[in-house]
Amino acid sequence: MSMVHIRHLSFGYPGKPLLFDNFSLEIEKGESWVIIGPSGCGKSTLLSLMAGLKRPRQGSIEVEGKQLQRPRPESGLVFQDHGLLPWATIRANVSLGLRIRRFYGSDGRHTPAKWQNGNEKPQAETMDLWLQRLGLAGKEHCYPAQLSRGQRQRAAIARTLLMEPDLLLMDEPFSALDPPIREELQELMAGLGRTQAITRITVTHDIPEAVILGEKILVTTLKVNRAPTILANPLAKDEKPRNHYGFNKMCQRVRQAMGEST
């Protein structure tokens, strides 16, 4: 069973041409995908459809074999804006999802039906582990305004990963960051992908980022998207894809697929 199965999807905004028409796509469990294309081509819209935040005009989207009707609690989302609560500490921000789950219980709508509100100690240990892995150890009692933009985005990622999602959807999560910080977080997420069994789908407009993060790269265009253009990218499994001799060549393949001049 695939993780995401898009069947004959059609979608467009009122008064505007369709972005997708009879569009089908299948994403297997554990794969890392990147969606890339120019502004206005529908890449963020497609991510929102897979998150259940938007509904298709026609067709369907299945996640784990079930037709998507609303946002599912097993999916994790990371956006460009970290969305941290400014009045809460980093520890409180990262644990926000756990507190919401405890409020609703395992209702299957807001919280996975299999989730169990067990001992607080293992949950705290898991949170400490993610804070450490994401370079936030020692920053737990700081407030968002006291951290750099990169550290705030790390906290947003930690908050999402603490929920143990099986599907991680990220919409240009590093685009607002300075290049050195962006590259550091790109490598961090690529490394997590090699050690965590999470299906990852990232939207970006940055070609090198697509080559670093995407085992498969879906290219969307300003025309109506019907048959998907998918590039296989073995470099994403390399520990240092940016240093790989084929990195520039793969970037050029993506440019050509996007219709850009080399």
Protein backbone atom coordinates (compact mmCIF):
# COMPACT_ATOMS: atom_id res chain seq x y z
CA MET A 1 0.00 0.00 0.00
CA SER A 2 1.35 3.42 -0.95
CA MET A 3 1.49 6.30 1.53
CA VAL A 4 -0.16 8.85 -0.79
CA HIS A 5 -2.24 7.99 -3.84
CA ILE A 6 -3.67 10.88 -5.88
CA ARG A 7 -6.33 9.71 -8.32
CA HIS A 8 -7.52 11.85 -11.24
CA LEU A 9 -7.25 15.08 -9.26
CA SER A 10 -8.70 18.31 -10.61
CA PHE A 11 -8.34 21.58 -8.75
CA GLY A 12 -8.40 25.29 -9.46
CA TYR A 13 -9.33 28.49 -7.67
CA PRO A 14 -12.62 30.24 -8.53
CA GLY A 15 -12.32 32.44 -11.59
CA LYS A 16 -8.89 31.11 -12.51
CA PRO A 17 -7.64 28.31 -14.81
CA LEU A 18 -7.22 24.83 -13.39
CA LEU A 19 -3.89 24.09 -11.74
CA PHE A 20 -4.39 20.31 -11.94
CA ASP A 21 -6.61 18.31 -14.26
CA ASN A 22 -6.95 14.51 -14.20
CA PHE A 23 -3.67 14.44 -12.29
CA SER A 24 -2.55 11.15 -10.71
CA LEU A 25 0.47 10.41 -8.53
CA GLU A 26 1.61 7.66 -6.16
CA ILE A 27 4.11 8.13 -3.33
CA GLU A 28 5.46 5.07 -1.53
CA LYS A 29 6.08 4.82 2.20
CA GLY A 30 9.44 6.13 3.37
CA GLU A 31 10.18 8.07 0.18
CA SER A 32 11.44 11.63 0.13
CA TRP A 33 9.83 13.86 -2.50
CA VAL A 34 10.31 17.46 -3.49
CA ILE A 35 7.79 19.54 -5.42
CA ILE A 36 9.43 22.34 -7.39
CA GLY A 37 8.23 24.91 -9.88
CA PRO A 38 7.75 28.65 -10.45
CA SER A 39 5.52 30.80 -8.27
CA GLY A 40 1.84 30.25 -8.99
CA CYS A 41 2.23 26.76 -10.45
CA GLY A 42 0.28 24.99 -7.69
CA LYS A 43 3.06 23.34 -5.69
CA SER A 44 1.91 24.68 -2.30
CA THR A 45 -1.69 24.01 -3.30
CA LEU A 46 -0.84 20.37 -3.98
CA LEU A 47 0.77 20.10 -0.55
CA SER A 48 -2.34 21.62 1.06
CA LEU A 49 -4.49 19.08 -0.78
CA MET A 50 -2.33 16.22 0.56
CA ALA A 51 -2.62 17.73 4.04
CA GLY A 52 -6.40 17.80 3.80
CA LEU A 53 -6.50 21.60 4.10
CA LYS A 54 -8.11 21.88 0.66
CA ARG A 55 -10.55 19.61 -1.14
CA PRO A 56 -10.28 18.50 -4.79
CA ARG A 57 -12.90 19.62 -7.29
CA GLN A 58 -12.79 16.13 -8.75
CA GLY A 59 -10.85 12.97 -8.02
CA SER A 60 -9.55 11.83 -4.66
CA ILE A 61 -6.48 11.64 -2.46
CA GLU A 62 -5.83 8.55 -0.36
CA VAL A 63 -3.34 8.46 2.51
CA GLU A 64 -2.52 5.04 3.95
CA GLY A 65 -5.36 3.59 1.86
CA LYS A 66 -8.05 5.91 3.28
CA GLN A 67 -9.65 8.71 1.30
CA LEU A 68 -8.64 12.05 2.74
CA GLN A 69 -11.62 14.04 3.98
CA ARG A 70 -9.94 16.33 6.51
CA PRO A 71 -6.49 16.91 8.03
CA ARG A 72 -5.27 13.67 9.59
CA PRO A 73 -3.54 13.71 13.01
CA GLU A 74 -0.77 11.37 11.82
CA SER A 75 0.50 13.97 9.32
CA GLY A 76 2.99 16.67 10.34
CA LEU A 77 3.25 20.11 8.73
CA VAL A 78 6.13 22.59 8.75
CA PHE A 79 5.62 25.99 7.12
CA GLN A 80 7.93 28.87 6.22
CA ASP A 81 6.64 30.78 9.26
CA HIS A 82 7.67 28.84 12.37
CA GLY A 83 4.36 29.70 14.12
CA LEU A 84 5.79 29.65 17.65
CA LEU A 85 3.81 31.24 20.48
CA PRO A 86 5.85 34.35 21.46
CA TRP A 87 4.75 34.23 25.12
CA ALA A 88 5.78 30.58 25.61
CA THR A 89 9.23 29.12 26.15
CA ILE A 90 10.81 26.87 23.53
CA ARG A 91 10.06 23.84 25.69
CA ALA A 92 6.40 24.86 25.99
CA ASN A 93 6.20 25.50 22.25
CA VAL A 94 7.74 22.14 21.36
CA SER A 95 5.42 20.29 23.77
CA LEU A 96 2.29 22.09 22.52
CA GLY A 97 1.20 19.18 20.34
CA LEU A 98 1.46 16.75 23.25
CA ARG A 99 -0.70 18.99 25.41
CA ILE A 100 -3.34 19.20 22.68
CA ARG A 101 -3.30 15.42 22.33
CA ARG A 102 -3.81 14.98 26.05
CA PHE A 103 -6.80 17.33 25.88
CA TYR A 104 -8.56 15.43 23.08
CA GLY A 105 -7.39 11.92 23.93
CA SER A 106 -7.13 9.24 21.24
CA ASP A 107 -10.28 10.34 19.39
CA GLY A 108 -8.94 9.50 15.92
CA ARG A 109 -9.76 12.99 14.63
CA HIS A 110 -7.47 15.38 16.49
CA THR A 111 -5.18 12.65 17.82
CA PRO A 112 -4.25 9.26 16.31
CA ALA A 113 -6.56 6.53 17.55
CA LYS A 114 -3.55 4.40 18.50
CA TRP A 115 -1.96 7.18 20.59
CA GLN A 116 -1.76 6.44 24.29
CA ASN A 117 -1.31 9.05 26.97
CA GLY A 118 1.24 7.15 28.97
CA ASN A 119 3.88 8.10 31.46
CA GLU A 120 5.16 11.68 31.17
CA LYS A 121 8.76 10.62 31.62
CA PRO A 122 9.23 8.87 28.22
CA GLN A 123 7.56 11.83 26.48
CA ALA A 124 9.90 14.29 28.21
CA GLU A 125 12.90 12.14 27.29
CA THR A 126 11.78 12.06 23.65
CA MET A 127 11.41 15.85 23.64
CA ASP A 128 14.88 16.27 25.13
CA LEU A 129 16.25 13.97 22.43
CA TRP A 130 14.77 16.06 19.62
CA LEU A 131 15.91 19.31 21.22
CA GLN A 132 19.42 17.88 21.38
CA ARG A 133 19.39 16.50 17.84
CA LEU A 134 18.18 19.82 16.48
CA GLY A 135 20.80 21.83 18.33
CA LEU A 136 18.45 23.40 20.88
CA ALA A 137 19.79 21.83 24.06
CA GLY A 138 20.23 24.60 26.63
CA LYS A 139 17.66 26.82 24.88
CA GLU A 140 14.58 25.17 26.39
CA HIS A 141 13.73 28.06 28.71
CA CYS A 142 14.35 30.80 26.17
CA TYR A 143 11.53 32.61 24.40
CA PRO A 144 11.30 32.73 20.59
CA ALA A 145 12.41 36.38 20.47
CA GLN A 146 15.66 35.39 22.18
CA LEU A 147 16.59 32.91 19.42
CA SER A 148 17.78 33.31 15.85
CA ARG A 149 15.42 32.64 12.94
CA GLY A 150 17.20 29.36 12.28
CA GLN A 151 16.79 28.26 15.89
CA ARG A 152 13.09 29.17 15.83
CA GLN A 153 12.61 27.07 12.72
CA ARG A 154 14.45 24.20 14.41
CA ALA A 155 11.97 24.46 17.28
CA ALA A 156 9.07 24.27 14.83
CA ILE A 157 10.59 21.14 13.30
CA ALA A 158 11.13 19.61 16.76
CA ARG A 159 7.49 20.33 17.67
CA THR A 160 6.35 18.46 14.57
CA LEU A 161 8.73 15.49 14.84
CA LEU A 162 7.84 14.98 18.51
CA MET A 163 4.38 13.94 17.27
CA GLU A 164 5.99 11.01 15.38
CA PRO A 165 4.26 11.72 12.05
CA ASP A 166 4.25 9.08 9.35
CA LEU A 167 3.88 11.79 6.69
CA LEU A 168 5.88 15.03 6.95
CA LEU A 169 4.75 17.90 4.71
CA MET A 170 6.99 20.96 4.50
CA ASP A 171 6.17 24.14 2.57
CA GLU A 172 9.37 26.08 1.79
CA PRO A 173 10.55 25.65 5.40
CA PHE A 174 13.98 27.25 4.87
CA SER A 175 13.31 29.94 2.26
CA ALA A 176 13.32 32.85 4.74
CA LEU A 177 16.68 31.88 6.24
CA ASP A 178 20.15 33.11 5.40
CA PRO A 179 22.11 30.78 3.05
CA PRO A 180 24.50 29.27 5.67
CA ILE A 181 21.62 28.48 8.05
CA ARG A 182 19.47 27.20 5.18
CA GLU A 183 22.21 24.83 4.01
CA GLU A 184 22.74 23.59 7.57
CA LEU A 185 19.05 22.78 8.02
CA GLN A 186 18.86 21.17 4.57
CA GLU A 187 21.63 18.76 5.55
CA LEU A 188 20.00 18.20 8.93
CA MET A 189 16.66 17.20 7.39
CA ALA A 190 18.37 15.05 4.76
CA GLY A 191 20.21 13.25 7.56
CA LEU A 192 17.00 12.72 9.53
CA GLY A 193 15.43 11.25 6.44
CA ARG A 194 18.14 8.61 6.28
CA THR A 195 17.54 7.55 9.89
CA GLN A 196 13.76 8.05 10.33
CA ALA A 197 11.10 6.05 8.51
CA ILE A 198 9.03 9.11 7.60
CA THR A 199 7.55 9.85 4.19
CA ARG A 200 8.67 13.43 3.45
CA ILE A 201 7.27 15.86 0.89
CA THR A 202 8.90 19.29 0.61
CA VAL A 203 7.84 22.25 -1.50
CA THR A 204 10.65 24.49 -2.70
CA HIS A 205 11.58 26.88 -5.49
CA ASP A 206 15.29 26.31 -4.85
CA ILE A 207 16.93 23.85 -7.27
CA PRO A 208 19.93 22.84 -5.10
CA GLU A 209 17.57 22.26 -2.17
CA ALA A 210 15.44 19.99 -4.36
CA VAL A 211 18.50 17.90 -5.26
CA ILE A 212 19.59 17.66 -1.61
CA LEU A 213 16.20 16.65 -0.21
CA GLY A 214 14.30 14.82 -2.94
CA GLU A 215 14.85 11.20 -3.89
CA LYS A 216 12.12 11.99 -6.40
CA ILE A 217 11.54 15.49 -7.75
CA LEU A 218 8.10 16.44 -9.04
CA VAL A 219 8.24 19.41 -11.42
CA THR A 220 5.06 21.49 -11.68
CA THR A 221 4.47 24.14 -14.34
CA LEU A 222 2.36 27.26 -14.92
CA LYS A 223 0.36 25.31 -17.49
CA VAL A 224 -2.38 22.94 -16.37
CA ASN A 225 -0.60 20.02 -14.66
CA ARG A 226 -1.86 16.72 -16.04
CA ALA A 227 0.83 14.04 -16.50
CA PRO A 228 3.39 14.45 -13.67
CA THR A 229 7.04 15.12 -14.55
CA ILE A 230 9.12 13.11 -12.06
CA LEU A 231 12.92 13.00 -11.88
CA ALA A 232 14.64 10.19 -9.99
CA ASN A 233 17.49 11.61 -7.90
CA PRO A 234 19.91 9.08 -6.33
CA LEU A 235 22.07 11.91 -4.94
CA ALA A 236 19.55 12.57 -2.15
CA LYS A 237 20.71 9.35 -0.46
CA ASP A 238 24.33 10.52 -0.41
CA GLU A 239 25.62 11.84 2.93
CA LYS A 240 27.03 14.96 1.27
CA PRO A 241 25.07 15.43 -1.96
CA ARG A 242 26.32 18.99 -2.39
CA ASN A 243 29.87 17.64 -2.68
CA HIS A 244 28.96 14.85 -5.11
CA TYR A 245 30.56 15.14 -8.55
CA GLY A 246 27.14 14.77 -10.17
CA PHE A 247 25.45 17.51 -8.12
CA ASN A 248 25.68 20.28 -10.73
CA LYS A 249 24.57 17.91 -13.48
CA MET A 250 21.48 16.94 -11.48
CA CYS A 251 20.69 20.60 -10.84
CA GLN A 252 20.89 21.18 -14.59
CA ARG A 253 18.45 18.32 -15.21
CA VAL A 254 15.97 19.99 -12.88
CA ARG A 255 16.44 23.36 -14.63
CA GLN A 256 15.80 21.76 -17.99
CA ALA A 257 12.68 20.06 -16.70
CA MET A 258 11.47 23.42 -15.40
CA GLY A 259 12.07 24.93 -18.82
CA GLU A 260 14.82 27.25 -17.64
CA SER A 261 17.86 28.13 -19.77
CA THR A 262 21.18 26.73 -18.61
